[in-house]
PDB file of all heavy atoms in Angstrom:
ATOM      1  N   ILE A   1      32.282  12.774  -3.609  1.00  0.00           N
ATOM      2  CA  ILE A   1      30.893  12.682  -3.135  1.00  0.00           C
ATOM      3  C   ILE A   1      30.023  13.709  -3.851  1.00  0.00           C
ATOM      4  O   ILE A   1      28.901  13.402  -4.287  1.00  0.00           O
ATOM      5  CB  ILE A   1      30.832  12.895  -1.608  1.00  0.00           C
ATOM      6  CG1 ILE A   1      31.484  11.705  -0.887  1.00  0.00           C
ATOM      7  CG2 ILE A   1      29.385  13.080  -1.140  1.00  0.00           C
ATOM      8  CD1 ILE A   1      31.606  11.891   0.617  1.00  0.00           C
ATOM      9  N   ALA A   2      30.531  14.932  -4.005  1.00  0.00           N
ATOM     10  CA  ALA A   2      29.756  15.980  -4.675  1.00  0.00           C
ATOM     11  C   ALA A   2      29.476  15.611  -6.131  1.00  0.00           C
ATOM     12  O   ALA A   2      28.372  15.818  -6.631  1.00  0.00           O
ATOM     13  CB  ALA A   2      30.497  17.308  -4.592  1.00  0.00           C
ATOM     14  N   LYS A   3      30.475  15.057  -6.824  1.00  0.00           N
ATOM     15  CA  LYS A   3      30.289  14.694  -8.230  1.00  0.00           C
ATOM     16  C   LYS A   3      29.287  13.563  -8.395  1.00  0.00           C
ATOM     17  O   LYS A   3      28.636  13.441  -9.436  1.00  0.00           O
ATOM     18  CB  LYS A   3      31.631  14.292  -8.851  1.00  0.00           C
ATOM     19  CG  LYS A   3      32.522  15.472  -9.188  1.00  0.00           C
ATOM     20  CD  LYS A   3      33.790  15.016  -9.895  1.00  0.00           C
ATOM     21  CE  LYS A   3      34.637  16.223 -10.317  1.00  0.00           C
ATOM     22  NZ  LYS A   3      35.880  15.809 -10.994  1.00  0.00           N
ATOM     23  N   SER A   4      29.160  12.730  -7.370  1.00  0.00           N
ATOM     24  CA  SER A   4      28.199  11.620  -7.448  1.00  0.00           C
ATOM     25  C   SER A   4      26.782  12.074  -7.129  1.00  0.00           C
ATOM     26  O   SER A   4      25.852  11.273  -7.166  1.00  0.00           O
ATOM     27  CB  SER A   4      28.608  10.502  -6.478  1.00  0.00           C
ATOM     28  OG  SER A   4      28.395  10.905  -5.129  1.00  0.00           O
ATOM     29  N   GLY A   5      26.626  13.359  -6.802  1.00  0.00           N
ATOM     30  CA  GLY A   5      25.297  13.875  -6.474  1.00  0.00           C
ATOM     31  C   GLY A   5      24.999  13.872  -4.995  1.00  0.00           C
ATOM     32  O   GLY A   5      23.898  14.225  -4.577  1.00  0.00           O
ATOM     33  N   GLY A   6      25.986  13.494  -4.177  1.00  0.00           N
ATOM     34  CA  GLY A   6      25.784  13.454  -2.740  1.00  0.00           C
ATOM     35  C   GLY A   6      26.193  14.759  -2.079  1.00  0.00           C
ATOM     36  O   GLY A   6      26.659  15.699  -2.720  1.00  0.00           O
ATOM     37  N   THR A   7      25.990  14.800  -0.774  1.00  0.00           N
ATOM     38  CA  THR A   7      26.379  15.970   0.017  1.00  0.00           C
ATOM     39  C   THR A   7      27.379  15.521   1.079  1.00  0.00           C
ATOM     40  O   THR A   7      27.066  14.631   1.878  1.00  0.00           O
ATOM     41  CB  THR A   7      25.152  16.605   0.695  1.00  0.00           C
ATOM     42  OG1 THR A   7      24.227  17.008  -0.313  1.00  0.00           O
ATOM     43  CG2 THR A   7      25.556  17.809   1.525  1.00  0.00           C
ATOM     44  N   PRO A   8      28.581  16.111   1.091  1.00  0.00           N
ATOM     45  CA  PRO A   8      29.581  15.702   2.093  1.00  0.00           C
ATOM     46  C   PRO A   8      29.457  16.519   3.377  1.00  0.00           C
ATOM     47  O   PRO A   8      29.294  17.738   3.341  1.00  0.00           O
ATOM     48  CB  PRO A   8      30.907  16.006   1.389  1.00  0.00           C
ATOM     49  CG  PRO A   8      30.586  17.142   0.451  1.00  0.00           C
ATOM     50  CD  PRO A   8      29.137  17.011   0.075  1.00  0.00           C
ATOM     51  N   LEU A   9      29.499  15.855   4.515  1.00  0.00           N
ATOM     52  CA  LEU A   9      29.580  16.510   5.821  1.00  0.00           C
ATOM     53  C   LEU A   9      30.892  16.062   6.464  1.00  0.00           C
ATOM     54  O   LEU A   9      31.172  14.863   6.549  1.00  0.00           O
ATOM     55  CB  LEU A   9      28.400  16.134   6.711  1.00  0.00           C
ATOM     56  CG  LEU A   9      27.009  16.634   6.288  1.00  0.00           C
ATOM     57  CD1 LEU A   9      25.969  16.178   7.309  1.00  0.00           C
ATOM     58  CD2 LEU A   9      26.990  18.146   6.141  1.00  0.00           C
ATOM     59  N   VAL A  10      31.672  17.006   6.904  1.00  0.00           N
ATOM     60  CA  VAL A  10      32.991  16.698   7.461  1.00  0.00           C
ATOM     61  C   VAL A  10      32.889  16.549   8.978  1.00  0.00           C
ATOM     62  O   VAL A  10      32.170  17.305   9.642  1.00  0.00           O
ATOM     63  CB  VAL A  10      33.999  17.800   7.086  1.00  0.00           C
ATOM     64  CG1 VAL A  10      35.367  17.529   7.724  1.00  0.00           C
ATOM     65  CG2 VAL A  10      34.137  17.887   5.570  1.00  0.00           C
ATOM     66  N   VAL A  11      33.615  15.560   9.521  1.00  0.00           N
ATOM     67  CA  VAL A  11      33.597  15.256  10.957  1.00  0.00           C
ATOM     68  C   VAL A  11      34.973  15.568  11.553  1.00  0.00           C
ATOM     69  O   VAL A  11      36.007  15.188  10.978  1.00  0.00           O
ATOM     70  CB  VAL A  11      33.247  13.774  11.194  1.00  0.00           C
ATOM     71  CG1 VAL A  11      33.250  13.456  12.692  1.00  0.00           C
ATOM     72  CG2 VAL A  11      31.902  13.441  10.574  1.00  0.00           C
ATOM     73  N   ALA A  12      34.964  16.280  12.688  1.00  0.00           N
ATOM     74  CA  ALA A  12      36.234  16.635  13.349  1.00  0.00           C
ATOM     75  C   ALA A  12      36.159  16.289  14.832  1.00  0.00           C
ATOM     76  O   ALA A  12      35.113  16.398  15.462  1.00  0.00           O
ATOM     77  CB  ALA A  12      36.520  18.129  13.170  1.00  0.00           C
ATOM     78  N   ARG A  13      37.321  15.895  15.383  1.00  0.00           N
ATOM     79  CA  ARG A  13      37.433  15.597  16.822  1.00  0.00           C
ATOM     80  C   ARG A  13      38.667  16.336  17.344  1.00  0.00           C
ATOM     81  O   ARG A  13      39.775  16.144  16.827  1.00  0.00           O
ATOM     82  CB  ARG A  13      37.574  14.093  17.035  1.00  0.00           C
ATOM     83  CG  ARG A  13      37.673  13.692  18.507  1.00  0.00           C
ATOM     84  CD  ARG A  13      37.793  12.184  18.646  1.00  0.00           C
ATOM     85  NE  ARG A  13      37.689  11.774  20.028  1.00  0.00           N
ATOM     86  CZ  ARG A  13      36.893  10.817  20.476  1.00  0.00           C
ATOM     87  NH1 ARG A  13      36.097  10.186  19.622  1.00  0.00           N
ATOM     88  NH2 ARG A  13      36.881  10.487  21.743  1.00  0.00           N
ATOM     89  N   GLU A  14      38.425  17.183  18.337  1.00  0.00           N
ATOM     90  CA  GLU A  14      39.546  17.950  18.885  1.00  0.00           C
ATOM     91  C   GLU A  14      40.265  18.724  17.776  1.00  0.00           C
ATOM     92  O   GLU A  14      41.504  18.734  17.701  1.00  0.00           O
ATOM     93  CB  GLU A  14      40.542  17.026  19.601  1.00  0.00           C
ATOM     94  CG  GLU A  14      40.038  16.436  20.901  1.00  0.00           C
ATOM     95  CD  GLU A  14      39.785  17.509  21.955  1.00  0.00           C
ATOM     96  OE1 GLU A  14      40.741  18.162  22.393  1.00  0.00           O
ATOM     97  OE2 GLU A  14      38.598  17.711  22.298  1.00  0.00           O
ATOM     98  N   ARG A  15      39.445  19.333  16.888  1.00  0.00           N
ATOM     99  CA  ARG A  15      39.960  20.147  15.785  1.00  0.00           C
ATOM    100  C   ARG A  15      40.856  19.350  14.831  1.00  0.00           C
ATOM    101  O   ARG A  15      41.685  19.926  14.107  1.00  0.00           O
ATOM    102  CB  ARG A  15      40.679  21.387  16.304  1.00  0.00           C
ATOM    103  CG  ARG A  15      39.740  22.310  17.099  1.00  0.00           C
ATOM    104  CD  ARG A  15      40.432  23.586  17.542  1.00  0.00           C
ATOM    105  NE  ARG A  15      39.489  24.405  18.323  1.00  0.00           N
ATOM    106  CZ  ARG A  15      38.694  25.336  17.796  1.00  0.00           C
ATOM    107  NH1 ARG A  15      38.724  25.563  16.505  1.00  0.00           N
ATOM    108  NH2 ARG A  15      37.887  26.046  18.572  1.00  0.00           N
ATOM    109  N   ARG A  16      40.683  18.015  14.841  1.00  0.00           N
ATOM    110  CA  ARG A  16      41.378  17.151  13.875  1.00  0.00           C
ATOM    111  C   ARG A  16      40.320  16.483  13.002  1.00  0.00           C
ATOM    112  O   ARG A  16      39.395  15.850  13.518  1.00  0.00           O
ATOM    113  CB  ARG A  16      42.215  16.098  14.609  1.00  0.00           C
ATOM    114  CG  ARG A  16      42.941  15.133  13.672  1.00  0.00           C
ATOM    115  CD  ARG A  16      43.855  14.225  14.481  1.00  0.00           C
ATOM    116  NE  ARG A  16      43.108  13.284  15.286  1.00  0.00           N
ATOM    117  CZ  ARG A  16      42.817  12.014  14.906  1.00  0.00           C
ATOM    118  NH1 ARG A  16      43.201  11.567  13.731  1.00  0.00           N
ATOM    119  NH2 ARG A  16      42.159  11.227  15.726  1.00  0.00           N
ATOM    120  N   ILE A  17      40.428  16.653  11.687  1.00  0.00           N
ATOM    121  CA  ILE A  17      39.438  16.106  10.766  1.00  0.00           C
ATOM    122  C   ILE A  17      39.641  14.596  10.634  1.00  0.00           C
ATOM    123  O   ILE A  17      40.757  14.123  10.348  1.00  0.00           O
ATOM    124  CB  ILE A  17      39.529  16.798   9.389  1.00  0.00           C
ATOM    125  CG1 ILE A  17      39.136  18.273   9.528  1.00  0.00           C
ATOM    126  CG2 ILE A  17      38.627  16.100   8.367  1.00  0.00           C
ATOM    127  CD1 ILE A  17      39.260  19.070   8.254  1.00  0.00           C
ATOM    128  N   LEU A  18      38.527  13.846  10.849  1.00  0.00           N
ATOM    129  CA  LEU A  18      38.584  12.382  10.805  1.00  0.00           C
ATOM    130  C   LEU A  18      38.082  11.798   9.486  1.00  0.00           C
ATOM    131  O   LEU A  18      38.562  10.736   9.063  1.00  0.00           O
ATOM    132  CB  LEU A  18      37.739  11.800  11.952  1.00  0.00           C
ATOM    133  CG  LEU A  18      38.111  12.227  13.369  1.00  0.00           C
ATOM    134  CD1 LEU A  18      37.194  11.517  14.374  1.00  0.00           C
ATOM    135  CD2 LEU A  18      39.576  11.919  13.667  1.00  0.00           C
ATOM    136  N   GLY A  19      37.135  12.468   8.872  1.00  0.00           N
ATOM    137  CA  GLY A  19      36.577  11.899   7.648  1.00  0.00           C
ATOM    138  C   GLY A  19      35.307  12.621   7.233  1.00  0.00           C
ATOM    139  O   GLY A  19      35.021  13.734   7.695  1.00  0.00           O
ATOM    140  N   VAL A  20      34.537  11.929   6.384  1.00  0.00           N
ATOM    141  CA  VAL A  20      33.369  12.561   5.755  1.00  0.00           C
ATOM    142  C   VAL A  20      32.163  11.628   5.848  1.00  0.00           C
ATOM    143  O   VAL A  20      32.300  10.411   5.728  1.00  0.00           O
ATOM    144  CB  VAL A  20      33.663  12.897   4.274  1.00  0.00           C
ATOM    145  CG1 VAL A  20      32.466  13.573   3.619  1.00  0.00           C
ATOM    146  CG2 VAL A  20      34.898  13.772   4.155  1.00  0.00           C
ATOM    147  N   ILE A  21      30.999  12.227   6.079  1.00  0.00           N
ATOM    148  CA  ILE A  21      29.725  11.490   6.001  1.00  0.00           C
ATOM    149  C   ILE A  21      29.127  11.756   4.624  1.00  0.00           C
ATOM    150  O   ILE A  21      29.034  12.909   4.194  1.00  0.00           O
ATOM    151  CB  ILE A  21      28.733  11.961   7.082  1.00  0.00           C
ATOM    152  CG1 ILE A  21      29.351  11.844   8.469  1.00  0.00           C
ATOM    153  CG2 ILE A  21      27.432  11.156   6.992  1.00  0.00           C
ATOM    154  CD1 ILE A  21      28.539  12.561   9.543  1.00  0.00           C
ATOM    155  N   HIS A  22      28.747  10.695   3.950  1.00  0.00           N
ATOM    156  CA  HIS A  22      28.152  10.825   2.609  1.00  0.00           C
ATOM    157  C   HIS A  22      26.621  10.848   2.738  1.00  0.00           C
ATOM    158  O   HIS A  22      26.001   9.848   3.087  1.00  0.00           O
ATOM    159  CB  HIS A  22      28.583   9.645   1.735  1.00  0.00           C
ATOM    160  CG  HIS A  22      28.065   9.709   0.324  1.00  0.00           C
ATOM    161  ND1 HIS A  22      28.368   8.756  -0.622  1.00  0.00           N
ATOM    162  CD2 HIS A  22      27.266  10.607  -0.310  1.00  0.00           C
ATOM    163  CE1 HIS A  22      27.780   9.065  -1.762  1.00  0.00           C
ATOM    164  NE2 HIS A  22      27.101  10.178  -1.586  1.00  0.00           N
ATOM    165  N   LEU A  23      26.038  12.033   2.506  1.00  0.00           N
ATOM    166  CA  LEU A  23      24.574  12.151   2.463  1.00  0.00           C
ATOM    167  C   LEU A  23      24.114  11.996   1.022  1.00  0.00           C
ATOM    168  O   LEU A  23      24.665  12.642   0.125  1.00  0.00           O
ATOM    169  CB  LEU A  23      24.118  13.511   2.997  1.00  0.00           C
ATOM    170  CG  LEU A  23      24.395  13.828   4.461  1.00  0.00           C
ATOM    171  CD1 LEU A  23      23.861  15.216   4.788  1.00  0.00           C
ATOM    172  CD2 LEU A  23      23.772  12.797   5.378  1.00  0.00           C
ATOM    173  N   LYS A  24      23.107  11.178   0.833  1.00  0.00           N
ATOM    174  CA  LYS A  24      22.675  10.881  -0.530  1.00  0.00           C
ATOM    175  C   LYS A  24      21.249  11.374  -0.751  1.00  0.00           C
ATOM    176  O   LYS A  24      20.367  11.173   0.074  1.00  0.00           O
ATOM    177  CB  LYS A  24      22.749   9.373  -0.779  1.00  0.00           C
ATOM    178  CG  LYS A  24      22.690   8.991  -2.242  1.00  0.00           C
ATOM    179  CD  LYS A  24      23.016   7.508  -2.422  1.00  0.00           C
ATOM    180  CE  LYS A  24      23.040   7.137  -3.890  1.00  0.00           C
ATOM    181  NZ  LYS A  24      23.338   5.698  -4.083  1.00  0.00           N
ATOM    182  N   ASP A  25      21.047  12.048  -1.880  1.00  0.00           N
ATOM    183  CA  ASP A  25      19.724  12.517  -2.301  1.00  0.00           C
ATOM    184  C   ASP A  25      19.164  11.476  -3.265  1.00  0.00           C
ATOM    185  O   ASP A  25      19.732  11.256  -4.341  1.00  0.00           O
ATOM    186  CB  ASP A  25      19.862  13.872  -3.006  1.00  0.00           C
ATOM    187  CG  ASP A  25      18.763  14.829  -2.608  1.00  0.00           C
ATOM    188  OD1 ASP A  25      17.798  14.368  -2.012  1.00  0.00           O
ATOM    189  OD2 ASP A  25      18.883  16.025  -2.908  1.00  0.00           O
ATOM    190  N   ILE A  26      18.054  10.857  -2.908  1.00  0.00           N
ATOM    191  CA  ILE A  26      17.510   9.757  -3.707  1.00  0.00           C
ATOM    192  C   ILE A  26      16.541  10.293  -4.755  1.00  0.00           C
ATOM    193  O   ILE A  26      15.534  10.931  -4.424  1.00  0.00           O
ATOM    194  CB  ILE A  26      16.784   8.724  -2.811  1.00  0.00           C
ATOM    195  CG1 ILE A  26      17.707   8.298  -1.663  1.00  0.00           C
ATOM    196  CG2 ILE A  26      16.333   7.536  -3.634  1.00  0.00           C
ATOM    197  CD1 ILE A  26      18.974   7.629  -2.107  1.00  0.00           C
ATOM    198  N   VAL A  27      16.841  10.035  -6.025  1.00  0.00           N
ATOM    199  CA  VAL A  27      15.947  10.441  -7.118  1.00  0.00           C
ATOM    200  C   VAL A  27      14.726   9.528  -7.133  1.00  0.00           C
ATOM    201  O   VAL A  27      14.847   8.308  -6.995  1.00  0.00           O
ATOM    202  CB  VAL A  27      16.677  10.373  -8.479  1.00  0.00           C
ATOM    203  CG1 VAL A  27      15.717  10.638  -9.628  1.00  0.00           C
ATOM    204  CG2 VAL A  27      17.813  11.386  -8.509  1.00  0.00           C
ATOM    205  N   LYS A  28      13.562  10.112  -7.281  1.00  0.00           N
ATOM    206  CA  LYS A  28      12.322   9.341  -7.257  1.00  0.00           C
ATOM    207  C   LYS A  28      12.264   8.372  -8.442  1.00  0.00           C
ATOM    208  O   LYS A  28      12.620   8.749  -9.565  1.00  0.00           O
ATOM    209  CB  LYS A  28      11.108  10.271  -7.306  1.00  0.00           C
ATOM    210  CG  LYS A  28      10.915  11.081  -6.039  1.00  0.00           C
ATOM    211  CD  LYS A  28       9.674  11.946  -6.115  1.00  0.00           C
ATOM    212  CE  LYS A  28       9.456  12.701  -4.821  1.00  0.00           C
ATOM    213  NZ  LYS A  28       8.257  13.556  -4.866  1.00  0.00           N
ATOM    214  N   PRO A  29      11.802   7.144  -8.212  1.00  0.00           N
ATOM    215  CA  PRO A  29      11.701   6.189  -9.320  1.00  0.00           C
ATOM    216  C   PRO A  29      10.667   6.654 -10.339  1.00  0.00           C
ATOM    217  O   PRO A  29       9.616   7.182  -9.983  1.00  0.00           O
ATOM    218  CB  PRO A  29      11.250   4.890  -8.624  1.00  0.00           C
ATOM    219  CG  PRO A  29      10.634   5.328  -7.329  1.00  0.00           C
ATOM    220  CD  PRO A  29      11.370   6.564  -6.926  1.00  0.00           C
ATOM    221  N   GLY A  30      10.985   6.476 -11.604  1.00  0.00           N
ATOM    222  CA  GLY A  30      10.052   6.814 -12.679  1.00  0.00           C
ATOM    223  C   GLY A  30      10.104   8.263 -13.117  1.00  0.00           C
ATOM    224  O   GLY A  30       9.488   8.637 -14.124  1.00  0.00           O
ATOM    225  N   ILE A  31      10.860   9.112 -12.368  1.00  0.00           N
ATOM    226  CA  ILE A  31      10.872  10.539 -12.712  1.00  0.00           C
ATOM    227  C   ILE A  31      11.590  10.775 -14.031  1.00  0.00           C
ATOM    228  O   ILE A  31      11.229  11.664 -14.809  1.00  0.00           O
ATOM    229  CB  ILE A  31      11.521  11.365 -11.573  1.00  0.00           C
ATOM    230  CG1 ILE A  31      11.136  12.849 -11.694  1.00  0.00           C
ATOM    231  CG2 ILE A  31      13.027  11.211 -11.560  1.00  0.00           C
ATOM    232  CD1 ILE A  31       9.756  13.159 -11.281  1.00  0.00           C
ATOM    233  N   ARG A  32      12.606   9.970 -14.321  1.00  0.00           N
ATOM    234  CA  ARG A  32      13.343  10.127 -15.587  1.00  0.00           C
ATOM    235  C   ARG A  32      12.427   9.867 -16.780  1.00  0.00           C
ATOM    236  O   ARG A  32      12.474  10.580 -17.782  1.00  0.00           O
ATOM    237  CB  ARG A  32      14.538   9.174 -15.612  1.00  0.00           C
ATOM    238  CG  ARG A  32      15.472   9.414 -16.788  1.00  0.00           C
ATOM    239  CD  ARG A  32      16.644   8.440 -16.789  1.00  0.00           C
ATOM    240  NE  ARG A  32      17.583   8.777 -17.835  1.00  0.00           N
ATOM    241  CZ  ARG A  32      18.619   9.581 -17.688  1.00  0.00           C
ATOM    242  NH1 ARG A  32      18.859  10.127 -16.512  1.00  0.00           N
ATOM    243  NH2 ARG A  32      19.424   9.851 -18.702  1.00  0.00           N
TER     244      ARG A  32
END
């Protein structure tokens, strides 16, 4: 997720890690 430009948030239940939420930063169109 980090290499793709996203931000990972980790989710845990009862101190057991279940997975990751992928937060995405959207590049503005035309900026390139």
